[in-house]
């Protein structure tokens, strides 16, 4: 009888009650991305072909580099949001 009470007592102590805990996350403080400053360039037609001047080509290349940098920045911010909100 003594052992039966001891066993019941030990079994009662081994149950674990889960308590839900709400974790409040601080708001992310990311700056809004700056608008792209793309420059205009000239294109002209010459006998049904589209032509571009060397100066316009340089501007076009700079615009493409700005777009690439902008995309890299946005992907970095998306990654930070994802890590922040999916982490436990």
PDB file of N, CA and C in Angstrom:
ATOM      1  N   UNK A   1       0.816  -1.179   0.000  1.00  0.00           N
ATOM      2  CA  UNK A   1       0.000   0.000   0.000  1.00  0.00           C
ATOM      3  C   UNK A   1       0.872   1.261   0.000  1.00  0.00           C
ATOM      4  N   UNK A   2       1.921   1.182   0.763  1.00  0.00           N
ATOM      5  CA  UNK A   2       2.849   2.293   0.852  1.00  0.00           C
ATOM      6  C   UNK A   2       3.476   2.579  -0.512  1.00  0.00           C
ATOM      7  N   UNK A   3       3.845   1.501  -1.224  1.00  0.00           N
ATOM      8  CA  UNK A   3       4.465   1.653  -2.542  1.00  0.00           C
ATOM      9  C   UNK A   3       3.456   2.159  -3.570  1.00  0.00           C
ATOM     10  N   UNK A   4       2.218   1.759  -3.435  1.00  0.00           N
ATOM     11  CA  UNK A   4       1.167   2.207  -4.353  1.00  0.00           C
ATOM     12  C   UNK A   4       0.950   3.715  -4.230  1.00  0.00           C
ATOM     13  N   UNK A   5       0.907   4.217  -3.010  1.00  0.00           N
ATOM     14  CA  UNK A   5       0.758   5.658  -2.806  1.00  0.00           C
ATOM     15  C   UNK A   5       1.975   6.425  -3.325  1.00  0.00           C
ATOM     16  N   UNK A   6       3.164   5.848  -3.126  1.00  0.00           N
ATOM     17  CA  UNK A   6       4.384   6.477  -3.622  1.00  0.00           C
ATOM     18  C   UNK A   6       4.372   6.546  -5.146  1.00  0.00           C
ATOM     19  N   UNK A   7       3.933   5.443  -5.796  1.00  0.00           N
ATOM     20  CA  UNK A   7       3.864   5.421  -7.271  1.00  0.00           C
ATOM     21  C   UNK A   7       2.848   6.434  -7.780  1.00  0.00           C
ATOM     22  N   UNK A   8       1.685   6.524  -7.150  1.00  0.00           N
ATOM     23  CA  UNK A   8       0.675   7.492  -7.574  1.00  0.00           C
ATOM     24  C   UNK A   8       1.176   8.919  -7.406  1.00  0.00           C
ATOM     25  N   UNK A   9       1.885   9.150  -6.306  1.00  0.00           N
ATOM     26  CA  UNK A   9       2.438  10.471  -6.061  1.00  0.00           C
ATOM     27  C   UNK A   9       3.465  10.854  -7.123  1.00  0.00           C
ATOM     28  N   UNK A  10       4.342   9.910  -7.480  1.00  0.00           N
ATOM     29  CA  UNK A  10       5.371  10.182  -8.486  1.00  0.00           C
ATOM     30  C   UNK A  10       4.772  10.379  -9.874  1.00  0.00           C
ATOM     31  N   UNK A  11       3.764   9.615 -10.207  1.00  0.00           N
ATOM     32  CA  UNK A  11       3.124   9.752 -11.517  1.00  0.00           C
ATOM     33  C   UNK A  11       2.441  11.112 -11.614  1.00  0.00           C
ATOM     34  N   UNK A  12       1.830  11.553 -10.549  1.00  0.00           N
ATOM     35  CA  UNK A  12       1.164  12.851 -10.545  1.00  0.00           C
ATOM     36  C   UNK A  12       2.142  14.002 -10.716  1.00  0.00           C
ATOM     37  N   UNK A  13       3.374  13.836 -10.300  1.00  0.00           N
ATOM     38  CA  UNK A  13       4.376  14.895 -10.388  1.00  0.00           C
ATOM     39  C   UNK A  13       5.024  14.976 -11.756  1.00  0.00           C
ATOM     40  N   UNK A  14       4.895  13.941 -12.556  1.00  0.00           N
ATOM     41  CA  UNK A  14       5.597  13.935 -13.837  1.00  0.00           C
ATOM     42  C   UNK A  14       4.805  14.592 -14.962  1.00  0.00           C
ATOM     43  N   UNK A  15       3.571  14.949 -14.723  1.00  0.00           N
ATOM     44  CA  UNK A  15       2.815  15.601 -15.796  1.00  0.00           C
ATOM     45  C   UNK A  15       3.295  17.039 -15.948  1.00  0.00           C
ATOM     46  N   UNK A  16       3.401  17.458 -17.192  1.00  0.00           N
ATOM     47  CA  UNK A  16       3.873  18.809 -17.503  1.00  0.00           C
ATOM     48  C   UNK A  16       2.732  19.568 -18.150  1.00  0.00           C
ATOM     49  N   UNK A  17       2.466  20.710 -17.645  1.00  0.00           N
ATOM     50  CA  UNK A  17       1.406  21.535 -18.184  1.00  0.00           C
ATOM     51  C   UNK A  17       2.028  22.621 -19.059  1.00  0.00           C
ATOM     52  N   UNK A  18       1.584  22.682 -20.317  1.00  0.00           N
ATOM     53  CA  UNK A  18       2.110  23.689 -21.231  1.00  0.00           C
ATOM     54  C   UNK A  18       1.345  24.991 -21.053  1.00  0.00           C
ATOM     55  N   UNK A  19       2.090  26.055 -20.944  1.00  0.00           N
ATOM     56  CA  UNK A  19       1.503  27.378 -20.785  1.00  0.00           C
ATOM     57  C   UNK A  19       1.875  28.198 -22.019  1.00  0.00           C
ATOM     58  N   UNK A  20       0.873  28.677 -22.784  1.00  0.00           N
ATOM     59  CA  UNK A  20       1.204  29.481 -23.964  1.00  0.00           C
ATOM     60  C   UNK A  20       1.822  30.821 -23.554  1.00  0.00           C
ATOM     61  N   UNK A  21       2.883  31.170 -24.250  1.00  0.00           N
ATOM     62  CA  UNK A  21       3.576  32.420 -23.977  1.00  0.00           C
ATOM     63  C   UNK A  21       3.571  33.249 -25.251  1.00  0.00           C
ATOM     64  N   UNK A  22       3.090  34.470 -25.151  1.00  0.00           N
ATOM     65  CA  UNK A  22       3.063  35.348 -26.312  1.00  0.00           C
ATOM     66  C   UNK A  22       4.303  36.237 -26.286  1.00  0.00           C
ATOM     67  N   UNK A  23       5.051  36.198 -27.379  1.00  0.00           N
ATOM     68  CA  UNK A  23       6.259  37.012 -27.483  1.00  0.00           C
ATOM     69  C   UNK A  23       5.926  38.226 -28.338  1.00  0.00           C
ATOM     70  N   UNK A  24       6.111  39.387 -27.759  1.00  0.00           N
ATOM     71  CA  UNK A  24       5.824  40.622 -28.487  1.00  0.00           C
ATOM     72  C   UNK A  24       7.103  41.103 -29.165  1.00  0.00           C
ATOM     73  N   UNK A  25       7.029  41.238 -30.486  1.00  0.00           N
ATOM     74  CA  UNK A  25       8.191  41.681 -31.242  1.00  0.00           C
ATOM     75  C   UNK A  25       8.179  43.199 -31.364  1.00  0.00           C
ATOM     76  N   UNK A  26       9.355  43.762 -31.271  1.00  0.00           N
ATOM     77  CA  UNK A  26       9.518  45.195 -31.468  1.00  0.00           C
ATOM     78  C   UNK A  26       9.341  45.502 -32.951  1.00  0.00           C
ATOM     79  N   UNK A  27       8.809  46.658 -33.286  1.00  0.00           N
ATOM     80  CA  UNK A  27       8.659  46.992 -34.704  1.00  0.00           C
ATOM     81  C   UNK A  27      10.017  47.184 -35.374  1.00  0.00           C
ATOM     82  N   UNK A  28      10.072  46.737 -36.618  1.00  0.00           N
ATOM     83  CA  UNK A  28      11.298  46.913 -37.397  1.00  0.00           C
ATOM     84  C   UNK A  28      11.440  48.378 -37.776  1.00  0.00           C
ATOM     85  N   UNK A  29      12.651  48.848 -37.748  1.00  0.00           N
ATOM     86  CA  UNK A  29      12.906  50.250 -38.100  1.00  0.00           C
ATOM     87  C   UNK A  29      13.772  50.302 -39.353  1.00  0.00           C
ATOM     88  N   UNK A  30      13.129  50.138 -40.481  1.00  0.00           N
ATOM     89  CA  UNK A  30      13.832  50.230 -41.753  1.00  0.00           C
ATOM     90  C   UNK A  30      13.358  51.477 -42.486  1.00  0.00           C
ATOM     91  N   UNK A  31      14.290  52.161 -43.073  1.00  0.00           N
ATOM     92  CA  UNK A  31      13.936  53.347 -43.841  1.00  0.00           C
ATOM     93  C   UNK A  31      13.298  52.936 -45.157  1.00  0.00           C
ATOM     94  N   UNK A  32      12.426  53.794 -45.661  1.00  0.00           N
ATOM     95  CA  UNK A  32      11.842  53.549 -46.970  1.00  0.00           C
ATOM     96  C   UNK A  32      12.946  53.647 -48.016  1.00  0.00           C
ATOM     97  N   UNK A  33      12.915  52.778 -49.005  1.00  0.00           N
ATOM     98  CA  UNK A  33      13.935  52.883 -50.049  1.00  0.00           C
ATOM     99  C   UNK A  33      13.771  54.178 -50.833  1.00  0.00           C
ATOM    100  N   UNK A  34      14.896  54.751 -51.189  1.00  0.00           N
ATOM    101  CA  UNK A  34      14.873  55.999 -51.957  1.00  0.00           C
ATOM    102  C   UNK A  34      14.433  55.711 -53.383  1.00  0.00           C
ATOM    103  N   UNK A  35      13.772  56.684 -53.964  1.00  0.00           N
ATOM    104  CA  UNK A  35      13.350  56.547 -55.352  1.00  0.00           C
ATOM    105  C   UNK A  35      14.580  56.591 -56.261  1.00  0.00           C
ATOM    106  N   UNK A  36      14.506  55.850 -57.328  1.00  0.00           N
ATOM    107  CA  UNK A  36      15.615  55.838 -58.286  1.00  0.00           C
ATOM    108  C   UNK A  36      15.653  57.148 -59.059  1.00  0.00           C
ATOM    109  N   UNK A  37      16.855  57.622 -59.291  1.00  0.00           N
ATOM    110  CA  UNK A  37      17.047  58.822 -60.088  1.00  0.00           C
ATOM    111  C   UNK A  37      17.599  58.382 -61.441  1.00  0.00           C
ATOM    112  N   UNK A  38      16.696  57.997 -62.324  1.00  0.00           N
ATOM    113  CA  UNK A  38      17.108  57.544 -63.655  1.00  0.00           C
ATOM    114  C   UNK A  38      17.141  58.741 -64.596  1.00  0.00           C
ATOM    115  N   UNK A  39      18.164  58.753 -65.440  1.00  0.00           N
ATOM    116  CA  UNK A  39      18.349  59.869 -66.362  1.00  0.00           C
ATOM    117  C   UNK A  39      17.795  59.511 -67.740  1.00  0.00           C
ATOM    118  N   UNK A  40      17.318  60.518 -68.416  1.00  0.00           N
ATOM    119  CA  UNK A  40      16.812  60.316 -69.771  1.00  0.00           C
ATOM    120  C   UNK A  40      17.974  60.181 -70.753  1.00  0.00           C
ATOM    121  N   UNK A  41      17.733  59.417 -71.806  1.00  0.00           N
ATOM    122  CA  UNK A  41      18.732  59.271 -72.860  1.00  0.00           C
ATOM    123  C   UNK A  41      18.025  59.287 -74.209  1.00  0.00           C
ATOM    124  N   UNK A  42      18.789  59.539 -75.247  1.00  0.00           N
ATOM    125  CA  UNK A  42      18.224  59.696 -76.590  1.00  0.00           C
ATOM    126  C   UNK A  42      18.373  58.420 -77.402  1.00  0.00           C
ATOM    127  N   UNK A  43      17.308  58.102 -78.106  1.00  0.00           N
ATOM    128  CA  UNK A  43      17.309  57.001 -79.070  1.00  0.00           C
ATOM    129  C   UNK A  43      16.764  57.581 -80.379  1.00  0.00           C
ATOM    130  N   UNK A  44      17.353  57.195 -81.487  1.00  0.00           N
ATOM    131  CA  UNK A  44      16.844  57.685 -82.760  1.00  0.00           C
ATOM    132  C   UNK A  44      16.794  56.545 -83.763  1.00  0.00           C
ATOM    133  N   UNK A  45      15.972  56.741 -84.756  1.00  0.00           N
ATOM    134  CA  UNK A  45      15.798  55.740 -85.816  1.00  0.00           C
ATOM    135  C   UNK A  45      16.614  56.126 -87.036  1.00  0.00           C
ATOM    136  N   UNK A  46      17.273  55.115 -87.597  1.00  0.00           N
ATOM    137  CA  UNK A  46      18.046  55.347 -88.812  1.00  0.00           C
ATOM    138  C   UNK A  46      17.801  54.154 -89.722  1.00  0.00           C
ATOM    139  N   UNK A  47      17.036  54.384 -90.761  1.00  0.00           N
ATOM    140  CA  UNK A  47      16.706  53.345 -91.742  1.00  0.00           C
ATOM    141  C   UNK A  47      16.150  52.082 -91.068  1.00  0.00           C
ATOM    142  N   UNK A  48      15.094  52.253 -90.274  1.00  0.00           N
ATOM    143  CA  UNK A  48      14.385  51.175 -89.590  1.00  0.00           C
ATOM    144  C   UNK A  48      15.201  50.503 -88.482  1.00  0.00           C
ATOM    145  N   UNK A  49      16.319  51.049 -88.129  1.00  0.00           N
ATOM    146  CA  UNK A  49      17.127  50.527 -87.020  1.00  0.00           C
ATOM    147  C   UNK A  49      17.072  51.515 -85.859  1.00  0.00           C
ATOM    148  N   UNK A  50      17.097  50.968 -84.675  1.00  0.00           N
ATOM    149  CA  UNK A  50      17.140  51.831 -83.486  1.00  0.00           C
ATOM    150  C   UNK A  50      18.596  52.074 -83.148  1.00  0.00           C
ATOM    151  N   UNK A  51      18.957  53.347 -83.010  1.00  0.00           N
ATOM    152  CA  UNK A  51      20.350  53.711 -82.732  1.00  0.00           C
ATOM    153  C   UNK A  51      20.440  54.473 -81.419  1.00  0.00           C
ATOM    154  N   UNK A  52      21.617  54.416 -80.830  1.00  0.00           N
ATOM    155  CA  UNK A  52      21.864  55.106 -79.571  1.00  0.00           C
ATOM    156  C   UNK A  52      23.270  55.700 -79.643  1.00  0.00           C
ATOM    157  N   UNK A  53      23.417  56.894 -79.137  1.00  0.00           N
ATOM    158  CA  UNK A  53      24.725  57.547 -79.159  1.00  0.00           C
ATOM    159  C   UNK A  53      25.603  56.999 -78.029  1.00  0.00           C
ATOM    160  N   UNK A  54      26.908  57.181 -78.131  1.00  0.00           N
ATOM    161  CA  UNK A  54      27.783  56.725 -77.047  1.00  0.00           C
ATOM    162  C   UNK A  54      27.456  57.377 -75.699  1.00  0.00           C
ATOM    163  N   UNK A  55      27.091  58.650 -75.725  1.00  0.00           N
ATOM    164  CA  UNK A  55      26.727  59.316 -74.467  1.00  0.00           C
ATOM    165  C   UNK A  55      25.446  58.723 -73.889  1.00  0.00           C
ATOM    166  N   UNK A  56      24.472  58.441 -74.766  1.00  0.00           N
ATOM    167  CA  UNK A  56      23.232  57.826 -74.309  1.00  0.00           C
ATOM    168  C   UNK A  56      23.478  56.412 -73.793  1.00  0.00           C
ATOM    169  N   UNK A  57      24.400  55.702 -74.423  1.00  0.00           N
ATOM    170  CA  UNK A  57      24.732  54.356 -73.975  1.00  0.00           C
ATOM    171  C   UNK A  57      25.323  54.397 -72.561  1.00  0.00           C
ATOM    172  N   UNK A  58      26.144  55.389 -72.302  1.00  0.00           N
ATOM    173  CA  UNK A  58      26.745  55.539 -70.978  1.00  0.00           C
ATOM    174  C   UNK A  58      25.654  55.814 -69.929  1.00  0.00           C
ATOM    175  N   UNK A  59      24.718  56.691 -70.270  1.00  0.00           N
ATOM    176  CA  UNK A  59      23.605  56.989 -69.356  1.00  0.00           C
ATOM    177  C   UNK A  59      22.765  55.738 -69.120  1.00  0.00           C
ATOM    178  N   UNK A  60      22.499  54.988 -70.178  1.00  0.00           N
ATOM    179  CA  UNK A  60      21.722  53.755 -70.064  1.00  0.00           C
ATOM    180  C   UNK A  60      22.428  52.751 -69.155  1.00  0.00           C
ATOM    181  N   UNK A  61      23.741  52.636 -69.288  1.00  0.00           N
ATOM    182  CA  UNK A  61      24.513  51.733 -68.437  1.00  0.00           C
ATOM    183  C   UNK A  61      24.457  52.170 -66.972  1.00  0.00           C
ATOM    184  N   UNK A  62      24.530  53.474 -66.726  1.00  0.00           N
ATOM    185  CA  UNK A  62      24.423  53.975 -65.351  1.00  0.00           C
ATOM    186  C   UNK A  62      23.037  53.708 -64.776  1.00  0.00           C
ATOM    187  N   UNK A  63      22.002  53.888 -65.593  1.00  0.00           N
ATOM    188  CA  UNK A  63      20.646  53.595 -65.137  1.00  0.00           C
ATOM    189  C   UNK A  63      20.499  52.120 -64.760  1.00  0.00           C
ATOM    190  N   UNK A  64      21.065  51.249 -65.575  1.00  0.00           N
ATOM    191  CA  UNK A  64      20.979  49.814 -65.288  1.00  0.00           C
ATOM    192  C   UNK A  64      21.729  49.469 -64.000  1.00  0.00           C
ATOM    193  N   UNK A  65      22.857  50.117 -63.761  1.00  0.00           N
ATOM    194  CA  UNK A  65      23.604  49.894 -62.521  1.00  0.00           C
ATOM    195  C   UNK A  65      22.802  50.372 -61.316  1.00  0.00           C
ATOM    196  N   UNK A  66      22.130  51.515 -61.452  1.00  0.00           N
ATOM    197  CA  UNK A  66      21.274  52.018 -60.371  1.00  0.00           C
ATOM    198  C   UNK A  66      20.124  51.059 -60.081  1.00  0.00           C
ATOM    199  N   UNK A  67      19.518  50.519 -61.130  1.00  0.00           N
ATOM    200  CA  UNK A  67      18.428  49.557 -60.957  1.00  0.00           C
ATOM    201  C   UNK A  67      18.937  48.298 -60.258  1.00  0.00           C
ATOM    202  N   UNK A  68      20.111  47.827 -60.654  1.00  0.00           N
ATOM    203  CA  UNK A  68      20.696  46.633 -60.035  1.00  0.00           C
ATOM    204  C   UNK A  68      20.967  46.874 -58.538  1.00  0.00           C
ATOM    205  N   UNK A  69      21.531  48.007 -58.201  1.00  0.00           N
ATOM    206  CA  UNK A  69      21.801  48.337 -56.798  1.00  0.00           C
ATOM    207  C   UNK A  69      20.511  48.432 -55.997  1.00  0.00           C
ATOM    208  N   UNK A  70      19.486  49.011 -56.605  1.00  0.00           N
ATOM    209  CA  UNK A  70      18.186  49.149 -55.954  1.00  0.00           C
ATOM    210  C   UNK A  70      17.584  47.777 -55.646  1.00  0.00           C
ATOM    211  N   UNK A  71      17.660  46.865 -56.606  1.00  0.00           N
ATOM    212  CA  UNK A  71      17.136  45.510 -56.412  1.00  0.00           C
ATOM    213  C   UNK A  71      17.904  44.795 -55.306  1.00  0.00           C
ATOM    214  N   UNK A  72      19.220  44.935 -55.285  1.00  0.00           N
ATOM    215  CA  UNK A  72      20.033  44.315 -54.231  1.00  0.00           C
ATOM    216  C   UNK A  72      19.633  44.857 -52.864  1.00  0.00           C
ATOM    217  N   UNK A  73      19.421  46.157 -52.764  1.00  0.00           N
ATOM    218  CA  UNK A  73      19.011  46.773 -51.497  1.00  0.00           C
ATOM    219  C   UNK A  73      17.658  46.226 -51.047  1.00  0.00           C
ATOM    220  N   UNK A  74      16.694  46.147 -51.964  1.00  0.00           N
ATOM    221  CA  UNK A  74      15.372  45.648 -51.607  1.00  0.00           C
ATOM    222  C   UNK A  74      15.416  44.183 -51.193  1.00  0.00           C
ATOM    223  N   UNK A  75      16.214  43.381 -51.881  1.00  0.00           N
ATOM    224  CA  UNK A  75      16.335  41.964 -51.511  1.00  0.00           C
ATOM    225  C   UNK A  75      16.935  41.824 -50.120  1.00  0.00           C
ATOM    226  N   UNK A  76      17.888  42.679 -49.785  1.00  0.00           N
ATOM    227  CA  UNK A  76      18.490  42.666 -48.456  1.00  0.00           C
ATOM    228  C   UNK A  76      17.453  43.001 -47.385  1.00  0.00           C
ATOM    229  N   UNK A  77      16.619  43.996 -47.648  1.00  0.00           N
ATOM    230  CA  UNK A  77      15.583  44.364 -46.688  1.00  0.00           C
ATOM    231  C   UNK A  77      14.540  43.264 -46.549  1.00  0.00           C
ATOM    232  N   UNK A  78      14.174  42.626 -47.644  1.00  0.00           N
ATOM    233  CA  UNK A  78      13.220  41.519 -47.581  1.00  0.00           C
ATOM    234  C   UNK A  78      13.795  40.380 -46.757  1.00  0.00           C
ATOM    235  N   UNK A  79      15.083  40.111 -46.927  1.00  0.00           N
ATOM    236  CA  UNK A  79      15.739  39.057 -46.145  1.00  0.00           C
ATOM    237  C   UNK A  79      15.702  39.399 -44.652  1.00  0.00           C
ATOM    238  N   UNK A  80      15.928  40.669 -44.305  1.00  0.00           N
ATOM    239  CA  UNK A  80      15.894  41.074 -42.899  1.00  0.00           C
ATOM    240  C   UNK A  80      14.487  40.918 -42.327  1.00  0.00           C
ATOM    241  N   UNK A  81      13.465  41.303 -43.094  1.00  0.00           N
ATOM    242  CA  UNK A  81      12.089  41.114 -42.645  1.00  0.00           C
ATOM    243  C   UNK A  81      11.801  39.628 -42.424  1.00  0.00           C
ATOM    244  N   UNK A  82      12.212  38.809 -43.375  1.00  0.00           N
ATOM    245  CA  UNK A  82      11.947  37.375 -43.292  1.00  0.00           C
ATOM    246  C   UNK A  82      12.618  36.764 -42.061  1.00  0.00           C
ATOM    247  N   UNK A  83      13.884  37.091 -41.829  1.00  0.00           N
ATOM    248  CA  UNK A  83      14.592  36.570 -40.661  1.00  0.00           C
ATOM    249  C   UNK A  83      13.936  37.053 -39.370  1.00  0.00           C
ATOM    250  N   UNK A  84      13.487  38.292 -39.347  1.00  0.00           N
ATOM    251  CA  UNK A  84      12.892  38.868 -38.149  1.00  0.00           C
ATOM    252  C   UNK A  84      11.554  38.195 -37.809  1.00  0.00           C
ATOM    253  N   UNK A  85      10.699  38.039 -38.805  1.00  0.00           N
ATOM    254  CA  UNK A  85       9.364  37.534 -38.540  1.00  0.00           C
ATOM    255  C   UNK A  85       9.288  36.006 -38.508  1.00  0.00           C
ATOM    256  N   UNK A  86      10.246  35.311 -39.086  1.00  0.00           N
ATOM    257  CA  UNK A  86      10.203  33.848 -39.067  1.00  0.00           C
ATOM    258  C   UNK A  86      11.070  33.255 -37.976  1.00  0.00           C
ATOM    259  N   UNK A  87      11.828  34.067 -37.269  1.00  0.00           N
ATOM    260  CA  UNK A  87      12.645  33.548 -36.177  1.00  0.00           C
ATOM    261  C   UNK A  87      11.779  33.339 -34.949  1.00  0.00           C
ATOM    262  N   UNK A  88      12.186  32.374 -34.134  1.00  0.00           N
ATOM    263  CA  UNK A  88      11.414  32.083 -32.918  1.00  0.00           C
ATOM    264  C   UNK A  88      12.023  32.727 -31.719  1.00  0.00           C
TER     265      UNK A  88
END
